[in-house]
Amino acid sequence: MQTLRARVQWLARRVEKLHDEGEPAQTLEQTLHEAERELLEQARRARLAPSARRTATAAGDGTQLDP
């Protein structure tokens, strides 16, 4: 997740620089938004996975979840 976070930060800086220079940045903005969505999804899954494992263990059903 650190690599993706660094990519999002780099893309954001690059988009800002292009805007400051008056250059078109639509393609890069789209790439930035896709990377942001992926980062948010990874964070959401990381946050939900431990609670799902605790629930499955507490239920005693032996369910194994992929990380």
N, C-alpha and C. Protein backbone atom coordinates (compact mmCIF):
# COMPACT_ATOMS: atom_id res chain seq x y z
N MET A 1 0.83 -1.18 0.00
CA MET A 1 0.00 0.00 0.00
C MET A 1 0.88 1.26 0.00
N GLN A 2 2.07 1.17 0.56
CA GLN A 2 2.98 2.31 0.59
C GLN A 2 3.37 2.74 -0.82
N THR A 3 3.60 1.78 -1.70
CA THR A 3 3.98 2.08 -3.07
C THR A 3 2.86 2.83 -3.78
N LEU A 4 1.64 2.38 -3.59
CA LEU A 4 0.50 3.03 -4.21
C LEU A 4 0.30 4.43 -3.63
N ARG A 5 0.50 4.58 -2.34
CA ARG A 5 0.37 5.90 -1.71
C ARG A 5 1.42 6.86 -2.28
N ALA A 6 2.64 6.38 -2.47
CA ALA A 6 3.69 7.22 -3.05
C ALA A 6 3.34 7.59 -4.48
N ARG A 7 2.77 6.66 -5.22
CA ARG A 7 2.36 6.95 -6.61
C ARG A 7 1.27 8.02 -6.64
N VAL A 8 0.29 7.92 -5.76
CA VAL A 8 -0.78 8.92 -5.69
C VAL A 8 -0.19 10.29 -5.37
N GLN A 9 0.73 10.35 -4.43
CA GLN A 9 1.35 11.62 -4.07
C GLN A 9 2.12 12.21 -5.25
N TRP A 10 2.86 11.37 -5.96
CA TRP A 10 3.63 11.83 -7.11
C TRP A 10 2.69 12.34 -8.20
N LEU A 11 1.65 11.57 -8.49
CA LEU A 11 0.69 11.99 -9.52
C LEU A 11 0.03 13.32 -9.15
N ALA A 12 -0.33 13.49 -7.89
CA ALA A 12 -0.97 14.73 -7.46
C ALA A 12 -0.03 15.91 -7.65
N ARG A 13 1.24 15.73 -7.30
CA ARG A 13 2.21 16.81 -7.50
C ARG A 13 2.39 17.13 -8.99
N ARG A 14 2.43 16.09 -9.79
CA ARG A 14 2.62 16.27 -11.25
C ARG A 14 1.41 16.99 -11.86
N VAL A 15 0.21 16.60 -11.47
CA VAL A 15 -1.00 17.25 -11.98
C VAL A 15 -1.00 18.72 -11.58
N GLU A 16 -0.66 18.99 -10.33
CA GLU A 16 -0.62 20.37 -9.86
C GLU A 16 0.38 21.19 -10.66
N LYS A 17 1.55 20.61 -10.93
CA LYS A 17 2.57 21.31 -11.71
C LYS A 17 2.06 21.60 -13.12
N LEU A 18 1.41 20.63 -13.74
CA LEU A 18 0.88 20.85 -15.09
C LEU A 18 -0.17 21.96 -15.10
N HIS A 19 -1.02 21.98 -14.08
CA HIS A 19 -2.02 23.04 -13.96
C HIS A 19 -1.34 24.40 -13.81
N ASP A 20 -0.31 24.46 -12.97
CA ASP A 20 0.41 25.71 -12.76
C ASP A 20 1.05 26.22 -14.05
N GLU A 21 1.49 25.27 -14.88
CA GLU A 21 2.14 25.63 -16.15
C GLU A 21 1.14 25.84 -17.28
N GLY A 22 -0.13 25.63 -17.00
CA GLY A 22 -1.15 25.80 -18.03
C GLY A 22 -1.19 24.68 -19.05
N GLU A 23 -0.62 23.55 -18.71
CA GLU A 23 -0.59 22.40 -19.61
C GLU A 23 -1.81 21.51 -19.39
N PRO A 24 -2.24 20.78 -20.42
CA PRO A 24 -3.35 19.85 -20.24
C PRO A 24 -2.93 18.68 -19.35
N ALA A 25 -3.85 18.25 -18.49
CA ALA A 25 -3.52 17.17 -17.55
C ALA A 25 -4.65 16.16 -17.41
N GLN A 26 -5.57 16.13 -18.38
CA GLN A 26 -6.74 15.25 -18.25
C GLN A 26 -6.37 13.78 -18.09
N THR A 27 -5.46 13.30 -18.92
CA THR A 27 -5.07 11.89 -18.85
C THR A 27 -4.41 11.57 -17.51
N LEU A 28 -3.55 12.46 -17.07
CA LEU A 28 -2.86 12.25 -15.80
C LEU A 28 -3.84 12.35 -14.63
N GLU A 29 -4.82 13.26 -14.74
CA GLU A 29 -5.85 13.36 -13.69
C GLU A 29 -6.66 12.07 -13.61
N GLN A 30 -6.98 11.49 -14.75
CA GLN A 30 -7.72 10.23 -14.76
C GLN A 30 -6.89 9.13 -14.09
N THR A 31 -5.61 9.08 -14.40
CA THR A 31 -4.72 8.10 -13.78
C THR A 31 -4.66 8.32 -12.28
N LEU A 32 -4.59 9.59 -11.87
CA LEU A 32 -4.57 9.92 -10.44
C LEU A 32 -5.84 9.44 -9.77
N HIS A 33 -7.00 9.70 -10.36
CA HIS A 33 -8.27 9.28 -9.75
C HIS A 33 -8.37 7.76 -9.64
N GLU A 34 -7.88 7.05 -10.65
CA GLU A 34 -7.89 5.59 -10.60
C GLU A 34 -6.99 5.08 -9.47
N ALA A 35 -5.82 5.69 -9.32
CA ALA A 35 -4.89 5.29 -8.25
C ALA A 35 -5.47 5.62 -6.88
N GLU A 36 -6.15 6.76 -6.77
CA GLU A 36 -6.79 7.12 -5.50
C GLU A 36 -7.89 6.11 -5.14
N ARG A 37 -8.69 5.73 -6.12
CA ARG A 37 -9.74 4.74 -5.86
C ARG A 37 -9.15 3.41 -5.42
N GLU A 38 -8.08 2.99 -6.07
CA GLU A 38 -7.43 1.73 -5.71
C GLU A 38 -6.86 1.81 -4.29
N LEU A 39 -6.25 2.93 -3.94
CA LEU A 39 -5.71 3.11 -2.60
C LEU A 39 -6.82 3.06 -1.55
N LEU A 40 -7.92 3.74 -1.83
CA LEU A 40 -9.05 3.71 -0.90
C LEU A 40 -9.61 2.29 -0.75
N GLU A 41 -9.68 1.56 -1.85
CA GLU A 41 -10.20 0.19 -1.80
C GLU A 41 -9.26 -0.70 -0.98
N GLN A 42 -7.96 -0.55 -1.17
CA GLN A 42 -7.01 -1.34 -0.39
C GLN A 42 -7.12 -1.02 1.10
N ALA A 43 -7.26 0.26 1.42
CA ALA A 43 -7.40 0.66 2.82
C ALA A 43 -8.70 0.10 3.42
N ARG A 44 -9.77 0.14 2.64
CA ARG A 44 -11.06 -0.40 3.11
C ARG A 44 -10.95 -1.89 3.38
N ARG A 45 -10.33 -2.62 2.45
CA ARG A 45 -10.19 -4.07 2.63
C ARG A 45 -9.30 -4.40 3.82
N ALA A 46 -8.24 -3.63 4.00
CA ALA A 46 -7.34 -3.87 5.14
C ALA A 46 -8.06 -3.62 6.45
N ARG A 47 -8.92 -2.63 6.47
CA ARG A 47 -9.66 -2.30 7.69
C ARG A 47 -10.73 -3.36 7.98
N LEU A 48 -11.37 -3.87 6.95
CA LEU A 48 -12.46 -4.83 7.14
C LEU A 48 -11.98 -6.27 7.39
N ALA A 49 -10.86 -6.64 6.83
CA ALA A 49 -10.38 -8.02 6.93
C ALA A 49 -10.20 -8.49 8.37
N PRO A 50 -9.54 -7.74 9.25
CA PRO A 50 -9.38 -8.23 10.63
C PRO A 50 -10.72 -8.42 11.34
N SER A 51 -11.68 -7.54 11.12
CA SER A 51 -12.96 -7.69 11.81
C SER A 51 -13.73 -8.87 11.25
N ALA A 52 -13.61 -9.16 9.97
CA ALA A 52 -14.28 -10.32 9.38
C ALA A 52 -13.67 -11.61 9.92
N ARG A 53 -12.35 -11.62 10.09
CA ARG A 53 -11.70 -12.81 10.65
C ARG A 53 -12.16 -13.07 12.08
N ARG A 54 -12.26 -11.99 12.88
CA ARG A 54 -12.71 -12.15 14.26
C ARG A 54 -14.14 -12.68 14.29
N THR A 55 -14.98 -12.19 13.41
CA THR A 55 -16.37 -12.64 13.37
C THR A 55 -16.45 -14.11 13.00
N ALA A 56 -15.68 -14.52 12.00
CA ALA A 56 -15.69 -15.92 11.57
C ALA A 56 -15.15 -16.82 12.68
N THR A 57 -14.10 -16.40 13.36
CA THR A 57 -13.52 -17.18 14.44
C THR A 57 -14.51 -17.29 15.61
N ALA A 58 -15.16 -16.20 15.93
CA ALA A 58 -16.12 -16.20 17.03
C ALA A 58 -17.30 -17.10 16.72
N ALA A 59 -17.69 -17.16 15.46
CA ALA A 59 -18.81 -18.01 15.06
C ALA A 59 -18.41 -19.48 15.06
N GLY A 60 -17.09 -19.73 14.99
CA GLY A 60 -16.62 -21.11 15.03
C GLY A 60 -16.89 -21.88 13.75
N ASP A 61 -17.10 -21.17 12.66
CA ASP A 61 -17.42 -21.88 11.43
C ASP A 61 -16.17 -22.26 10.63
N GLY A 62 -15.00 -21.85 11.08
CA GLY A 62 -13.76 -22.25 10.43
C GLY A 62 -13.54 -21.60 9.08
N THR A 63 -14.27 -20.59 8.80
CA THR A 63 -14.14 -19.91 7.52
C THR A 63 -12.77 -19.24 7.42
N GLN A 64 -12.11 -19.45 6.31
CA GLN A 64 -10.83 -18.81 6.04
C GLN A 64 -11.05 -17.74 4.99
N LEU A 65 -10.55 -16.54 5.27
CA LEU A 65 -10.68 -15.44 4.33
C LEU A 65 -9.33 -15.13 3.73
N ASP A 66 -9.30 -14.83 2.44
CA ASP A 66 -8.07 -14.41 1.80
C ASP A 66 -7.78 -12.97 2.18
N PRO A 67 -6.50 -12.65 2.44
CA PRO A 67 -6.15 -11.27 2.80
C PRO A 67 -6.30 -10.34 1.62
